[in-house]
């Protein structure tokens, strides 16, 4: 009996483990929250580290990401919602203001101007296939659309790189997650600003790092129709029937 019970318990545990392993695919409506990113400074206000989510621009062209090249990101009004597209958020000259908004991430400041990120194609995928990021678009300094769906790049050799590691493919974000809702994820993605872009950053390598929690889609609650409404409707139909009978007799 004891051996049988132990075998059954082990099978149950392994079954749950298998379910968790298969749950590494994100579904439509799931939300990826975004942990706020911020630099870590020393006593001389030099950036020596970075915490949380960021994007980075390889402005010195060495195919590496230094801490000083990272710009912190924060949660927008919705976060990154799987299976949906968004519209462009705030984008203008000058620093972000209190009225600026954006769905995925909060508007950010870069080189003295304000920008935000949005999606023209829905994000889908899994931890094995990666996430489809081909519709990732940046708007900045009033430029409505800087497409960031292509131009994956490899890290340069030597020291000095503090960004993501691994191999990257065009339009695909490397996605790490346990498959259990309510637990942490990381998303790393690389692209290149298109040549000739009006931003003046054409050909500059770009890296996006998001981290936070994966939350399951929760459908909106259904609103039950009050019994009084049904009674009112039934009474109304009865009156219509009476009126029709009278009209037929006339």
C-alpha atoms as a PDB file:
ATOM      1  CA  UNK A   1       0.000   0.000   0.000  1.00  0.00           C
ATOM      2  CA  UNK A   2       2.746   2.437   0.901  1.00  0.00           C
ATOM      3  CA  UNK A   3       4.607   1.764  -2.346  1.00  0.00           C
ATOM      4  CA  UNK A   4       1.416   2.262  -4.354  1.00  0.00           C
ATOM      5  CA  UNK A   5       0.656   5.552  -2.598  1.00  0.00           C
ATOM      6  CA  UNK A   6       4.212   6.785  -3.166  1.00  0.00           C
ATOM      7  CA  UNK A   7       4.025   5.881  -6.849  1.00  0.00           C
ATOM      8  CA  UNK A   8       0.708   7.719  -7.224  1.00  0.00           C
ATOM      9  CA  UNK A   9       2.052  10.807  -5.465  1.00  0.00           C
ATOM     10  CA  UNK A  10       5.176  10.819  -7.647  1.00  0.00           C
ATOM     11  CA  UNK A  11       3.054  10.517 -10.782  1.00  0.00           C
ATOM     12  CA  UNK A  12       0.954  13.475  -9.649  1.00  0.00           C
ATOM     13  CA  UNK A  13       4.019  15.631  -9.028  1.00  0.00           C
ATOM     14  CA  UNK A  14       5.538  14.709 -12.379  1.00  0.00           C
ATOM     15  CA  UNK A  15       2.217  15.448 -14.057  1.00  0.00           C
ATOM     16  CA  UNK A  16       2.134  18.950 -12.611  1.00  0.00           C
ATOM     17  CA  UNK A  17       5.762  19.461 -13.656  1.00  0.00           C
ATOM     18  CA  UNK A  18       4.913  18.442 -17.206  1.00  0.00           C
ATOM     19  CA  UNK A  19       1.987  20.859 -17.266  1.00  0.00           C
ATOM     20  CA  UNK A  20       4.245  23.671 -16.039  1.00  0.00           C
ATOM     21  CA  UNK A  21       6.845  22.850 -18.694  1.00  0.00           C
ATOM     22  CA  UNK A  22       4.201  23.006 -21.447  1.00  0.00           C
ATOM     23  CA  UNK A  23       2.864  26.334 -20.151  1.00  0.00           C
ATOM     24  CA  UNK A  24       5.796  28.315 -21.537  1.00  0.00           C
ATOM     25  CA  UNK A  25       3.622  29.661 -24.354  1.00  0.00           C
ATOM     26  CA  UNK A  26       2.014  33.026 -23.747  1.00  0.00           C
ATOM     27  CA  UNK A  27      -1.634  33.369 -24.724  1.00  0.00           C
ATOM     28  CA  UNK A  28      -3.687  36.225 -26.107  1.00  0.00           C
ATOM     29  CA  UNK A  29      -4.523  38.713 -23.397  1.00  0.00           C
ATOM     30  CA  UNK A  30      -1.675  37.721 -21.069  1.00  0.00           C
ATOM     31  CA  UNK A  31       0.209  40.755 -19.751  1.00  0.00           C
ATOM     32  CA  UNK A  32       3.940  41.260 -19.295  1.00  0.00           C
ATOM     33  CA  UNK A  33       4.466  43.893 -16.621  1.00  0.00           C
ATOM     34  CA  UNK A  34       7.579  46.075 -16.810  1.00  0.00           C
ATOM     35  CA  UNK A  35       9.920  46.591 -13.874  1.00  0.00           C
ATOM     36  CA  UNK A  36      11.213  50.158 -13.707  1.00  0.00           C
ATOM     37  CA  UNK A  37      14.781  50.541 -14.887  1.00  0.00           C
ATOM     38  CA  UNK A  38      17.292  52.885 -13.311  1.00  0.00           C
ATOM     39  CA  UNK A  39      21.069  53.383 -13.349  1.00  0.00           C
ATOM     40  CA  UNK A  40      23.267  52.569 -10.386  1.00  0.00           C
ATOM     41  CA  UNK A  41      25.633  55.472  -9.689  1.00  0.00           C
ATOM     42  CA  UNK A  42      28.801  55.729  -7.638  1.00  0.00           C
ATOM     43  CA  UNK A  43      29.705  58.670  -5.405  1.00  0.00           C
ATOM     44  CA  UNK A  44      30.919  60.577  -8.464  1.00  0.00           C
ATOM     45  CA  UNK A  45      27.581  60.040 -10.245  1.00  0.00           C
ATOM     46  CA  UNK A  46      29.152  57.703 -12.776  1.00  0.00           C
ATOM     47  CA  UNK A  47      26.931  54.849 -13.957  1.00  0.00           C
ATOM     48  CA  UNK A  48      28.444  51.603 -12.702  1.00  0.00           C
ATOM     49  CA  UNK A  49      25.430  49.335 -13.042  1.00  0.00           C
ATOM     50  CA  UNK A  50      21.805  49.131 -14.075  1.00  0.00           C
ATOM     51  CA  UNK A  51      18.667  47.682 -12.536  1.00  0.00           C
ATOM     52  CA  UNK A  52      15.406  46.757 -14.270  1.00  0.00           C
ATOM     53  CA  UNK A  53      14.136  47.313 -17.812  1.00  0.00           C
ATOM     54  CA  UNK A  54      15.878  49.455 -20.421  1.00  0.00           C
ATOM     55  CA  UNK A  55      16.617  50.119 -24.051  1.00  0.00           C
ATOM     56  CA  UNK A  56      20.142  50.845 -25.225  1.00  0.00           C
ATOM     57  CA  UNK A  57      21.600  52.543 -28.278  1.00  0.00           C
ATOM     58  CA  UNK A  58      25.137  51.619 -29.351  1.00  0.00           C
ATOM     59  CA  UNK A  59      26.009  55.223 -30.117  1.00  0.00           C
ATOM     60  CA  UNK A  60      29.762  54.616 -30.205  1.00  0.00           C
ATOM     61  CA  UNK A  61      29.373  51.823 -32.762  1.00  0.00           C
ATOM     62  CA  UNK A  62      31.415  49.145 -30.981  1.00  0.00           C
ATOM     63  CA  UNK A  63      28.614  46.512 -31.072  1.00  0.00           C
ATOM     64  CA  UNK A  64      28.515  46.481 -27.274  1.00  0.00           C
ATOM     65  CA  UNK A  65      26.122  47.839 -24.672  1.00  0.00           C
ATOM     66  CA  UNK A  66      27.607  49.797 -21.790  1.00  0.00           C
ATOM     67  CA  UNK A  67      25.616  50.777 -18.699  1.00  0.00           C
ATOM     68  CA  UNK A  68      25.915  54.433 -19.704  1.00  0.00           C
ATOM     69  CA  UNK A  69      24.165  53.677 -23.019  1.00  0.00           C
ATOM     70  CA  UNK A  70      21.020  52.367 -21.317  1.00  0.00           C
ATOM     71  CA  UNK A  71      17.809  54.340 -20.849  1.00  0.00           C
ATOM     72  CA  UNK A  72      15.442  53.121 -18.154  1.00  0.00           C
ATOM     73  CA  UNK A  73      11.913  52.028 -18.989  1.00  0.00           C
ATOM     74  CA  UNK A  74       8.848  51.901 -16.755  1.00  0.00           C
ATOM     75  CA  UNK A  75       5.382  50.379 -16.925  1.00  0.00           C
ATOM     76  CA  UNK A  76       2.847  52.151 -19.139  1.00  0.00           C
ATOM     77  CA  UNK A  77      -0.915  52.074 -18.754  1.00  0.00           C
ATOM     78  CA  UNK A  78      -1.213  48.419 -19.818  1.00  0.00           C
ATOM     79  CA  UNK A  79       2.227  46.816 -20.083  1.00  0.00           C
ATOM     80  CA  UNK A  80       2.941  44.490 -23.002  1.00  0.00           C
ATOM     81  CA  UNK A  81      -0.308  42.660 -23.752  1.00  0.00           C
ATOM     82  CA  UNK A  82       0.108  39.492 -25.794  1.00  0.00           C
ATOM     83  CA  UNK A  83      -1.891  39.271 -29.012  1.00  0.00           C
ATOM     84  CA  UNK A  84      -2.718  42.969 -29.318  1.00  0.00           C
ATOM     85  CA  UNK A  85      -1.390  45.994 -31.164  1.00  0.00           C
ATOM     86  CA  UNK A  86      -1.144  49.522 -29.796  1.00  0.00           C
ATOM     87  CA  UNK A  87      -1.037  53.058 -31.126  1.00  0.00           C
ATOM     88  CA  UNK A  88       1.806  55.530 -30.802  1.00  0.00           C
ATOM     89  CA  UNK A  89       2.141  57.243 -27.445  1.00  0.00           C
ATOM     90  CA  UNK A  90       3.680  60.596 -26.555  1.00  0.00           C
ATOM     91  CA  UNK A  91       6.495  61.855 -28.781  1.00  0.00           C
ATOM     92  CA  UNK A  92       7.738  65.444 -28.844  1.00  0.00           C
ATOM     93  CA  UNK A  93      10.657  67.783 -28.443  1.00  0.00           C
ATOM     94  CA  UNK A  94      11.819  68.317 -24.879  1.00  0.00           C
ATOM     95  CA  UNK A  95      11.631  66.201 -21.761  1.00  0.00           C
ATOM     96  CA  UNK A  96       8.553  64.132 -20.798  1.00  0.00           C
ATOM     97  CA  UNK A  97       5.739  66.051 -19.119  1.00  0.00           C
ATOM     98  CA  UNK A  98       3.096  65.027 -16.612  1.00  0.00           C
ATOM     99  CA  UNK A  99       0.450  64.627 -19.321  1.00  0.00           C
ATOM    100  CA  UNK A 100       2.461  62.192 -21.469  1.00  0.00           C
ATOM    101  CA  UNK A 101       1.069  58.656 -21.759  1.00  0.00           C
ATOM    102  CA  UNK A 102       1.719  55.370 -23.535  1.00  0.00           C
ATOM    103  CA  UNK A 103       0.264  51.883 -23.310  1.00  0.00           C
ATOM    104  CA  UNK A 104       3.232  49.506 -23.134  1.00  0.00           C
ATOM    105  CA  UNK A 105       5.870  51.588 -21.378  1.00  0.00           C
ATOM    106  CA  UNK A 106       5.784  55.073 -19.931  1.00  0.00           C
ATOM    107  CA  UNK A 107       7.170  57.823 -22.213  1.00  0.00           C
ATOM    108  CA  UNK A 108      10.929  58.212 -21.789  1.00  0.00           C
ATOM    109  CA  UNK A 109      13.513  60.908 -22.391  1.00  0.00           C
ATOM    110  CA  UNK A 110      16.426  60.385 -24.784  1.00  0.00           C
ATOM    111  CA  UNK A 111      18.904  63.036 -26.009  1.00  0.00           C
ATOM    112  CA  UNK A 112      16.641  65.787 -24.662  1.00  0.00           C
ATOM    113  CA  UNK A 113      13.453  64.635 -26.417  1.00  0.00           C
ATOM    114  CA  UNK A 114      10.499  62.409 -25.515  1.00  0.00           C
ATOM    115  CA  UNK A 115       9.620  59.066 -27.073  1.00  0.00           C
ATOM    116  CA  UNK A 116       7.639  55.879 -26.513  1.00  0.00           C
ATOM    117  CA  UNK A 117       7.215  52.388 -27.977  1.00  0.00           C
ATOM    118  CA  UNK A 118       4.258  50.716 -29.653  1.00  0.00           C
ATOM    119  CA  UNK A 119       3.292  47.615 -31.653  1.00  0.00           C
ATOM    120  CA  UNK A 120       1.988  47.418 -35.227  1.00  0.00           C
ATOM    121  CA  UNK A 121       1.959  43.593 -35.091  1.00  0.00           C
ATOM    122  CA  UNK A 122       0.812  41.518 -32.145  1.00  0.00           C
ATOM    123  CA  UNK A 123       3.396  39.789 -29.974  1.00  0.00           C
ATOM    124  CA  UNK A 124       2.993  36.005 -29.863  1.00  0.00           C
ATOM    125  CA  UNK A 125       5.300  33.093 -29.100  1.00  0.00           C
ATOM    126  CA  UNK A 126       6.916  30.980 -26.419  1.00  0.00           C
ATOM    127  CA  UNK A 127      10.132  30.400 -24.543  1.00  0.00           C
ATOM    128  CA  UNK A 128      11.321  27.968 -27.218  1.00  0.00           C
ATOM    129  CA  UNK A 129      10.378  29.902 -30.353  1.00  0.00           C
ATOM    130  CA  UNK A 130      10.889  33.349 -28.827  1.00  0.00           C
ATOM    131  CA  UNK A 131       8.442  36.229 -29.089  1.00  0.00           C
ATOM    132  CA  UNK A 132       7.493  37.885 -32.352  1.00  0.00           C
ATOM    133  CA  UNK A 133       8.766  41.461 -32.018  1.00  0.00           C
ATOM    134  CA  UNK A 134       8.665  42.331 -35.722  1.00  0.00           C
ATOM    135  CA  UNK A 135       6.041  45.007 -35.092  1.00  0.00           C
ATOM    136  CA  UNK A 136       8.056  46.886 -32.449  1.00  0.00           C
ATOM    137  CA  UNK A 137       8.107  50.586 -33.391  1.00  0.00           C
ATOM    138  CA  UNK A 138       9.655  53.614 -31.712  1.00  0.00           C
ATOM    139  CA  UNK A 139       8.279  57.145 -31.912  1.00  0.00           C
ATOM    140  CA  UNK A 140      10.629  59.897 -30.739  1.00  0.00           C
ATOM    141  CA  UNK A 141      10.966  63.687 -30.961  1.00  0.00           C
ATOM    142  CA  UNK A 142       7.777  63.896 -33.014  1.00  0.00           C
ATOM    143  CA  UNK A 143       8.917  61.298 -35.573  1.00  0.00           C
ATOM    144  CA  UNK A 144       5.822  59.081 -35.820  1.00  0.00           C
ATOM    145  CA  UNK A 145       7.372  55.730 -36.696  1.00  0.00           C
ATOM    146  CA  UNK A 146      10.882  54.312 -36.432  1.00  0.00           C
ATOM    147  CA  UNK A 147      10.441  50.604 -37.296  1.00  0.00           C
ATOM    148  CA  UNK A 148      12.598  48.322 -35.169  1.00  0.00           C
ATOM    149  CA  UNK A 149      11.642  44.935 -36.577  1.00  0.00           C
ATOM    150  CA  UNK A 150      14.907  43.964 -38.280  1.00  0.00           C
ATOM    151  CA  UNK A 151      18.671  44.269 -37.946  1.00  0.00           C
ATOM    152  CA  UNK A 152      19.529  41.713 -35.260  1.00  0.00           C
ATOM    153  CA  UNK A 153      23.215  41.886 -34.371  1.00  0.00           C
ATOM    154  CA  UNK A 154      25.958  39.967 -32.601  1.00  0.00           C
ATOM    155  CA  UNK A 155      27.936  41.284 -29.646  1.00  0.00           C
ATOM    156  CA  UNK A 156      31.404  42.585 -30.409  1.00  0.00           C
ATOM    157  CA  UNK A 157      34.414  40.750 -29.019  1.00  0.00           C
ATOM    158  CA  UNK A 158      36.331  41.842 -25.943  1.00  0.00           C
ATOM    159  CA  UNK A 159      35.267  43.311 -22.625  1.00  0.00           C
ATOM    160  CA  UNK A 160      32.902  46.199 -21.948  1.00  0.00           C
ATOM    161  CA  UNK A 161      29.577  44.586 -22.839  1.00  0.00           C
ATOM    162  CA  UNK A 162      26.943  44.755 -20.068  1.00  0.00           C
ATOM    163  CA  UNK A 163      23.847  43.956 -22.093  1.00  0.00           C
ATOM    164  CA  UNK A 164      22.136  40.746 -23.149  1.00  0.00           C
ATOM    165  CA  UNK A 165      24.028  37.699 -24.335  1.00  0.00           C
ATOM    166  CA  UNK A 166      23.200  34.936 -26.784  1.00  0.00           C
ATOM    167  CA  UNK A 167      22.208  34.656 -30.431  1.00  0.00           C
ATOM    168  CA  UNK A 168      19.530  36.902 -31.902  1.00  0.00           C
ATOM    169  CA  UNK A 169      17.315  36.605 -34.986  1.00  0.00           C
ATOM    170  CA  UNK A 170      15.493  39.331 -36.900  1.00  0.00           C
ATOM    171  CA  UNK A 171      12.194  40.214 -35.289  1.00  0.00           C
ATOM    172  CA  UNK A 172      12.522  37.628 -32.509  1.00  0.00           C
ATOM    173  CA  UNK A 173      12.893  38.380 -28.810  1.00  0.00           C
ATOM    174  CA  UNK A 174      14.649  35.851 -26.587  1.00  0.00           C
ATOM    175  CA  UNK A 175      12.111  35.007 -23.888  1.00  0.00           C
ATOM    176  CA  UNK A 176      12.773  33.349 -20.522  1.00  0.00           C
ATOM    177  CA  UNK A 177       9.885  32.341 -18.264  1.00  0.00           C
ATOM    178  CA  UNK A 178       8.965  29.387 -16.047  1.00  0.00           C
ATOM    179  CA  UNK A 179       5.556  28.991 -17.662  1.00  0.00           C
ATOM    180  CA  UNK A 180       3.832  29.671 -14.331  1.00  0.00           C
ATOM    181  CA  UNK A 181       1.634  32.765 -14.211  1.00  0.00           C
ATOM    182  CA  UNK A 182       2.623  35.306 -11.585  1.00  0.00           C
ATOM    183  CA  UNK A 183       6.336  34.574 -11.960  1.00  0.00           C
ATOM    184  CA  UNK A 184       9.175  36.588 -13.462  1.00  0.00           C
ATOM    185  CA  UNK A 185      10.211  36.773 -17.102  1.00  0.00           C
ATOM    186  CA  UNK A 186      13.000  38.392 -19.101  1.00  0.00           C
ATOM    187  CA  UNK A 187      12.777  39.501 -22.717  1.00  0.00           C
ATOM    188  CA  UNK A 188      15.854  40.518 -24.698  1.00  0.00           C
ATOM    189  CA  UNK A 189      15.595  41.843 -28.222  1.00  0.00           C
ATOM    190  CA  UNK A 190      17.941  43.428 -30.750  1.00  0.00           C
ATOM    191  CA  UNK A 191      17.370  45.485 -33.868  1.00  0.00           C
ATOM    192  CA  UNK A 192      19.008  48.254 -35.880  1.00  0.00           C
ATOM    193  CA  UNK A 193      17.623  51.690 -36.724  1.00  0.00           C
ATOM    194  CA  UNK A 194      16.931  51.764 -40.502  1.00  0.00           C
ATOM    195  CA  UNK A 195      19.485  53.598 -42.616  1.00  0.00           C
ATOM    196  CA  UNK A 196      18.376  57.091 -43.559  1.00  0.00           C
ATOM    197  CA  UNK A 197      15.936  57.304 -40.668  1.00  0.00           C
ATOM    198  CA  UNK A 198      14.943  60.939 -39.908  1.00  0.00           C
ATOM    199  CA  UNK A 199      15.974  60.481 -36.273  1.00  0.00           C
ATOM    200  CA  UNK A 200      19.629  60.790 -37.325  1.00  0.00           C
ATOM    201  CA  UNK A 201      20.389  57.403 -35.717  1.00  0.00           C
ATOM    202  CA  UNK A 202      20.210  55.344 -38.906  1.00  0.00           C
ATOM    203  CA  UNK A 203      22.415  52.250 -38.665  1.00  0.00           C
ATOM    204  CA  UNK A 204      22.752  52.452 -34.864  1.00  0.00           C
ATOM    205  CA  UNK A 205      22.328  49.149 -33.026  1.00  0.00           C
ATOM    206  CA  UNK A 206      19.467  48.892 -30.531  1.00  0.00           C
ATOM    207  CA  UNK A 207      18.854  46.573 -27.597  1.00  0.00           C
ATOM    208  CA  UNK A 208      15.651  46.156 -25.571  1.00  0.00           C
ATOM    209  CA  UNK A 209      15.598  44.438 -22.178  1.00  0.00           C
ATOM    210  CA  UNK A 210      12.283  43.955 -20.379  1.00  0.00           C
ATOM    211  CA  UNK A 211      11.731  42.195 -17.083  1.00  0.00           C
ATOM    212  CA  UNK A 212       8.697  41.825 -14.863  1.00  0.00           C
ATOM    213  CA  UNK A 213       5.853  39.368 -14.220  1.00  0.00           C
ATOM    214  CA  UNK A 214       3.653  37.393 -16.628  1.00  0.00           C
ATOM    215  CA  UNK A 215       0.006  37.712 -15.619  1.00  0.00           C
ATOM    216  CA  UNK A 216      -2.766  35.565 -17.110  1.00  0.00           C
ATOM    217  CA  UNK A 217      -5.573  37.117 -19.107  1.00  0.00           C
ATOM    218  CA  UNK A 218      -8.616  37.746 -16.946  1.00  0.00           C
ATOM    219  CA  UNK A 219     -11.853  38.114 -18.960  1.00  0.00           C
ATOM    220  CA  UNK A 220     -14.081  41.005 -17.920  1.00  0.00           C
ATOM    221  CA  UNK A 221     -16.923  39.965 -15.612  1.00  0.00           C
ATOM    222  CA  UNK A 222     -20.288  39.409 -17.221  1.00  0.00           C
ATOM    223  CA  UNK A 223     -22.994  41.729 -15.966  1.00  0.00           C
ATOM    224  CA  UNK A 224     -26.173  39.763 -15.143  1.00  0.00           C
ATOM    225  CA  UNK A 225     -29.433  41.215 -16.375  1.00  0.00           C
ATOM    226  CA  UNK A 226     -31.662  42.064 -13.366  1.00  0.00           C
ATOM    227  CA  UNK A 227     -34.839  40.019 -12.998  1.00  0.00           C
ATOM    228  CA  UNK A 228     -36.842  43.256 -13.178  1.00  0.00           C
ATOM    229  CA  UNK A 229     -35.523  43.840 -16.692  1.00  0.00           C
ATOM    230  CA  UNK A 230     -36.760  40.415 -17.808  1.00  0.00           C
ATOM    231  CA  UNK A 231     -40.185  41.103 -16.294  1.00  0.00           C
ATOM    232  CA  UNK A 232     -40.327  44.498 -17.964  1.00  0.00           C
ATOM    233  CA  UNK A 233     -39.388  42.942 -21.303  1.00  0.00           C
ATOM    234  CA  UNK A 234     -42.007  40.207 -20.946  1.00  0.00           C
ATOM    235  CA  UNK A 235     -44.666  42.767 -20.078  1.00  0.00           C
ATOM    236  CA  UNK A 236     -43.681  44.881 -23.061  1.00  0.00           C
ATOM    237  CA  UNK A 237     -43.987  41.891 -25.410  1.00  0.00           C
ATOM    238  CA  UNK A 238     -47.422  41.140 -23.917  1.00  0.00           C
ATOM    239  CA  UNK A 239     -48.620  44.669 -24.633  1.00  0.00           C
ATOM    240  CA  UNK A 240     -47.360  44.412 -28.205  1.00  0.00           C
ATOM    241  CA  UNK A 241     -49.315  41.169 -28.634  1.00  0.00           C
ATOM    242  CA  UNK A 242     -52.519  42.727 -27.309  1.00  0.00           C
ATOM    243  CA  UNK A 243     -52.113  45.710 -29.598  1.00  0.00           C
ATOM    244  CA  UNK A 244     -51.665  43.422 -32.627  1.00  0.00           C
ATOM    245  CA  UNK A 245     -54.795  41.396 -31.797  1.00  0.00           C
ATOM    246  CA  UNK A 246     -56.851  44.563 -31.486  1.00  0.00           C
ATOM    247  CA  UNK A 247     -55.523  45.806 -34.790  1.00  0.00           C
ATOM    248  CA  UNK A 248     -56.410  42.508 -36.512  1.00  0.00           C
ATOM    249  CA  UNK A 249     -59.990  42.582 -35.129  1.00  0.00           C
ATOM    250  CA  UNK A 250     -60.413  46.138 -36.379  1.00  0.00           C
END
